[in-house]
Amino acid sequence: MAKCPNCSKVAVKRHRPFCSERCANADLARWLDGRYRIPTDEAPMVYEGNPDAAREDDG
């Protein structure tokens, strides 16, 4: 049986791979907070004004 990556309880089909909605939401919160990220040497992109209007032709 698969275990929840947060608390190691048995995972349930409805919330797989988690054991509950609480553990699934805790994992989602970590993603949204930026705790899961790939380390890089690149500087973060900085947008002035509307980030949706960022230029893609910087090259």
Protein backbone atom coordinates (compact mmCIF):
# COMPACT_ATOMS: atom_id res chain seq x y z
CA MET A 1 0.00 0.00 0.00
CA ALA A 2 1.16 3.51 -0.84
CA LYS A 3 1.87 5.89 2.00
CA CYS A 4 1.13 9.59 2.23
CA PRO A 5 4.30 11.63 1.52
CA ASN A 6 3.33 14.09 4.27
CA CYS A 7 2.45 11.93 7.25
CA SER A 8 3.11 8.31 6.15
CA LYS A 9 -0.48 7.17 6.74
CA VAL A 10 -2.04 4.92 4.12
CA ALA A 11 -3.02 6.87 1.00
CA VAL A 12 -6.67 6.81 -0.05
CA LYS A 13 -7.90 6.66 -3.63
CA ARG A 14 -9.82 9.96 -3.47
CA HIS A 15 -6.76 12.00 -2.41
CA ARG A 16 -3.98 9.86 -3.87
CA PRO A 17 -1.05 10.04 -3.20
CA PHE A 18 -2.20 11.63 0.06
CA CYS A 19 -4.23 10.23 2.94
CA SER A 20 -6.62 13.15 3.24
CA GLU A 21 -7.67 16.49 1.81
CA ARG A 22 -5.72 18.16 4.62
CA CYS A 23 -2.41 16.58 3.53
CA ALA A 24 -3.18 17.34 -0.14
CA ASN A 25 -3.84 21.00 0.70
CA ALA A 26 -0.69 21.21 2.83
CA ASP A 27 1.33 20.01 -0.18
CA LEU A 28 -0.42 22.49 -2.48
CA ALA A 29 0.38 25.31 -0.04
CA ARG A 30 4.08 24.39 -0.21
CA TRP A 31 3.94 24.61 -4.02
CA LEU A 32 2.17 27.97 -3.93
CA ASP A 33 4.62 29.35 -1.35
CA GLY A 34 7.51 28.44 -3.65
CA ARG A 35 9.07 25.93 -1.27
CA TYR A 36 9.33 23.39 -4.11
CA ARG A 37 11.70 24.80 -6.68
CA ILE A 38 14.69 23.80 -8.73
CA PRO A 39 17.91 25.50 -7.63
CA THR A 40 19.46 27.69 -10.32
CA ASP A 41 22.18 30.29 -10.75
CA GLU A 42 19.89 32.50 -12.83
CA ALA A 43 18.61 35.72 -11.33
CA PRO A 44 14.83 35.90 -10.92
CA MET A 45 12.95 37.86 -13.59
CA VAL A 46 11.72 41.24 -12.42
CA TYR A 47 8.65 42.79 -14.00
CA GLU A 48 7.70 46.42 -13.77
CA GLY A 49 3.99 47.14 -13.95
CA ASN A 50 1.76 44.37 -15.27
CA PRO A 51 3.56 40.97 -15.15
CA ASP A 52 1.17 39.64 -17.82
CA ALA A 53 2.54 42.21 -20.25
CA ALA A 54 6.17 41.06 -19.84
CA ARG A 55 8.16 41.11 -23.07
CA GLU A 56 9.11 37.75 -24.49
CA ASP A 57 11.47 39.17 -27.13
CA ASP A 58 14.35 40.03 -24.76
CA GLY A 59 16.86 38.29 -27.01
